[in-house]
N, C-alpha and C. Protein backbone atom coordinates (compact mmCIF):
# COMPACT_ATOMS: atom_id res chain seq x y z
N MET A 1 -7.83 1.13 21.42
CA MET A 1 -6.84 2.14 21.43
C MET A 1 -5.85 2.09 20.39
N GLY A 2 -5.59 3.03 19.64
CA GLY A 2 -4.69 2.94 18.48
C GLY A 2 -3.29 3.41 19.08
N VAL A 3 -2.28 3.04 18.21
CA VAL A 3 -0.91 3.62 18.37
C VAL A 3 -0.60 4.72 17.55
N SER A 4 -0.09 5.71 18.34
CA SER A 4 0.19 7.03 17.75
C SER A 4 1.72 7.09 17.18
N THR A 5 1.86 7.24 15.92
CA THR A 5 3.17 7.25 15.16
C THR A 5 3.51 8.60 14.94
N GLY A 6 2.72 9.56 15.15
CA GLY A 6 3.10 11.17 14.92
C GLY A 6 2.90 11.31 13.44
N VAL A 7 2.53 10.50 12.56
CA VAL A 7 2.23 10.64 11.01
C VAL A 7 0.67 10.81 10.90
N GLN A 8 0.31 11.94 10.21
CA GLN A 8 -1.09 12.19 10.05
C GLN A 8 -1.65 11.32 9.19
N PRO A 9 -3.05 10.97 9.16
CA PRO A 9 -3.72 10.04 8.21
C PRO A 9 -3.60 10.51 6.82
N LEU A 10 -3.69 9.49 5.89
CA LEU A 10 -3.41 9.62 4.41
C LEU A 10 -4.85 10.00 3.82
N THR A 11 -5.86 9.87 4.57
CA THR A 11 -7.11 10.19 3.98
C THR A 11 -7.58 11.71 4.09
N GLY A 12 -8.57 12.12 3.18
CA GLY A 12 -9.08 13.34 3.46
C GLY A 12 -8.42 14.27 2.44
N ASP A 13 -8.56 15.52 2.65
CA ASP A 13 -8.06 16.65 1.76
C ASP A 13 -6.56 16.84 2.12
N GLN A 14 -6.10 16.55 3.14
CA GLN A 14 -4.66 16.76 3.48
C GLN A 14 -3.79 15.50 3.16
N GLY A 15 -4.25 14.34 2.55
CA GLY A 15 -3.53 13.24 2.44
C GLY A 15 -2.19 13.46 1.57
N LEU A 16 -2.44 14.23 0.42
CA LEU A 16 -1.30 14.55 -0.35
C LEU A 16 -0.35 15.38 0.24
N ASN A 17 -0.53 16.39 0.95
CA ASN A 17 0.40 17.12 1.87
C ASN A 17 1.16 16.23 2.90
N THR A 18 0.35 15.29 3.42
CA THR A 18 0.92 14.38 4.31
C THR A 18 2.06 13.60 3.68
N ILE A 19 1.70 13.11 2.59
CA ILE A 19 2.83 12.20 1.80
C ILE A 19 4.00 13.11 1.42
N LYS A 20 3.67 14.43 0.87
CA LYS A 20 4.78 15.17 0.50
C LYS A 20 5.75 15.54 1.63
N ASP A 21 5.13 15.67 2.88
CA ASP A 21 5.93 15.99 4.01
C ASP A 21 6.66 14.96 4.68
N LEU A 22 6.46 13.75 4.18
CA LEU A 22 7.00 12.62 4.85
C LEU A 22 8.67 12.74 4.69
N SER A 23 9.32 12.23 5.62
CA SER A 23 10.92 11.95 5.53
C SER A 23 10.93 10.88 4.53
N SER A 24 12.28 10.78 4.08
CA SER A 24 12.62 9.92 3.00
C SER A 24 12.44 8.48 3.59
N ASP A 25 12.86 8.25 4.76
CA ASP A 25 12.61 6.84 5.56
C ASP A 25 11.28 6.51 5.62
N ASP A 26 10.46 7.52 5.88
CA ASP A 26 9.00 7.03 6.18
C ASP A 26 8.25 6.86 4.71
N TYR A 27 8.69 7.76 3.68
CA TYR A 27 8.25 7.64 2.42
C TYR A 27 8.46 6.19 1.81
N LEU A 28 9.87 5.88 2.02
CA LEU A 28 10.32 4.45 1.42
C LEU A 28 9.61 3.39 2.26
N GLY A 29 9.33 3.61 3.56
CA GLY A 29 8.66 2.56 4.24
C GLY A 29 7.27 2.36 3.81
N LEU A 30 6.50 3.55 3.48
CA LEU A 30 5.24 3.43 2.88
C LEU A 30 5.19 2.72 1.61
N THR A 31 6.15 3.23 0.84
CA THR A 31 6.22 2.57 -0.43
C THR A 31 6.28 1.08 -0.51
N GLY A 32 7.48 0.69 0.33
CA GLY A 32 7.63 -0.69 0.48
C GLY A 32 6.36 -1.49 0.94
N LEU A 33 5.70 -1.01 1.95
CA LEU A 33 4.53 -1.68 2.47
C LEU A 33 3.51 -1.84 1.31
N GLY A 34 3.34 -0.80 0.41
CA GLY A 34 2.45 -0.91 -0.78
C GLY A 34 2.87 -2.03 -1.64
N LEU A 35 4.21 -2.11 -1.85
CA LEU A 35 4.68 -3.18 -2.78
C LEU A 35 4.60 -4.57 -2.31
N GLU A 36 4.81 -4.72 -0.97
CA GLU A 36 4.52 -5.88 -0.27
C GLU A 36 3.00 -6.39 -0.33
N LEU A 37 2.24 -5.44 -0.11
CA LEU A 37 0.70 -5.67 -0.28
C LEU A 37 0.28 -6.21 -1.61
N ALA A 38 0.81 -5.40 -2.54
CA ALA A 38 0.71 -5.74 -3.98
C ALA A 38 1.23 -7.35 -4.36
N ASN A 39 2.37 -7.48 -3.82
CA ASN A 39 2.91 -8.89 -4.03
C ASN A 39 2.21 -9.95 -3.45
N GLU A 40 1.63 -9.72 -2.21
CA GLU A 40 0.85 -10.63 -1.61
C GLU A 40 -0.50 -11.05 -2.32
N PHE A 41 -1.07 -9.78 -2.80
CA PHE A 41 -2.40 -10.01 -3.58
C PHE A 41 -2.14 -10.80 -4.84
N SER A 42 -0.95 -10.36 -5.53
CA SER A 42 -0.68 -11.18 -6.84
C SER A 42 -0.62 -12.56 -6.66
N PHE A 43 0.16 -12.92 -5.51
CA PHE A 43 0.45 -14.38 -5.20
C PHE A 43 -0.85 -15.13 -5.06
N TRP A 44 -1.72 -14.49 -4.29
CA TRP A 44 -3.08 -15.24 -4.12
C TRP A 44 -3.99 -15.13 -5.13
N ALA A 45 -3.91 -14.11 -6.04
CA ALA A 45 -4.62 -14.04 -7.24
C ALA A 45 -4.24 -15.16 -8.31
N ASN A 46 -3.09 -15.36 -8.23
CA ASN A 46 -2.47 -16.30 -9.12
C ASN A 46 -2.68 -17.83 -8.75
N ALA A 47 -2.65 -17.96 -7.36
CA ALA A 47 -2.91 -19.28 -6.76
C ALA A 47 -4.30 -19.55 -6.97
N ILE A 48 -5.17 -18.56 -6.90
CA ILE A 48 -6.72 -18.95 -6.89
C ILE A 48 -7.14 -19.06 -8.44
N TYR A 49 -6.71 -18.15 -9.16
CA TYR A 49 -7.21 -17.97 -10.54
C TYR A 49 -6.21 -18.54 -11.56
N HIS A 50 -5.41 -19.52 -11.33
CA HIS A 50 -4.26 -20.15 -12.12
C HIS A 50 -4.81 -20.51 -13.50
N ASP A 51 -5.98 -21.00 -13.72
CA ASP A 51 -6.46 -21.46 -14.90
C ASP A 51 -7.33 -20.48 -15.79
N ILE A 52 -7.26 -19.23 -15.31
CA ILE A 52 -8.01 -18.29 -16.24
C ILE A 52 -7.14 -17.96 -17.27
N THR A 53 -7.75 -17.94 -18.51
CA THR A 53 -6.92 -17.72 -19.73
C THR A 53 -7.43 -16.37 -20.46
N GLY A 54 -8.61 -15.80 -20.05
CA GLY A 54 -8.93 -14.70 -20.83
C GLY A 54 -9.70 -14.77 -22.10
N ASP A 55 -9.86 -16.04 -22.54
CA ASP A 55 -10.49 -16.38 -23.75
C ASP A 55 -12.00 -16.53 -23.40
N ALA A 56 -12.80 -16.00 -24.32
CA ALA A 56 -14.27 -15.93 -24.08
C ALA A 56 -14.85 -17.25 -24.41
């Protein structure tokens, strides 16, 4: 059973309209979540692949 937040899903044809209709607080929260996920991915990618130089 999922939690209902009142915000429509971001997938499908109406995803862009959903984002455009968000309040500024919801939009900033979604953006902040995206940044935190990117930061976490970057941390683990650097930790795992620290010795990759890109040289062939």
